[in-house]
Amino acid sequence: MASAAMAPIQIDPIQAAPIQAEPIRIQLLEHAFDPYRELAGWASADGGAAAPAEAVFIGRVRGQSAAGMALEALELEHYPGMTERQLRRLTEACCADPAVRQVLVLHRVGRIPPGEAIVLVAVRADRRGPAQRGGQALLEALKHEAPFWKREWLSDGDRKSTRLNSSHTVISYAVFCLK
């Protein structure tokens, strides 16, 4: 009896985790990441079957707070499990076009200094239109509907804690810390 050939599993030498070509890959990261390295790994995981069009967005932490003050860091908190489920729902809804083949979403959590990557969104599709529209819709959904709580650490030692939802209503951070 002949055994079926199994495709080799690629291993990321730094993270020691399998790299898989999945239609949707979402990760929340507590550490700094190199978006270009992640894109290269994502591209190689598909076995050379890249889609004809890709739309990529890399967001970095600004050096100023929303009020224009010098920022030391931005801190994002989330509820593990709930956040990933919501990100998956947003991703599936925004990239429902059948021309969209793959989506990559990497998002930082924790304390992030200015200039460091906070989000990477990449969309592969059969054509540029669906890739661009899917990426844009997903970015807007992440900005307004992803359940992250933000804390700005200002350079003067002060901190401002807020969460902005889709209506841009500021909600006190303390409300979400009550047990």
Foldseek 3Di string as FASTA:
>chain_A
DDDDDDDDFDADVVVRDTQAQDQEAEEEDADFDDLVVVVVSNCVRVVNPAAPAKDKDWDWAAQADPVGAGFFWKAKDDDPPVLVVQLVVQLCVLLVPPQWRHWYWYAYHGIGGGPTTGIMIMITGNDHVSNVSSRVSSVLCCQAPRPIWMKTQGPVRDIDTFDQHNVRDTDHPVVVVDD
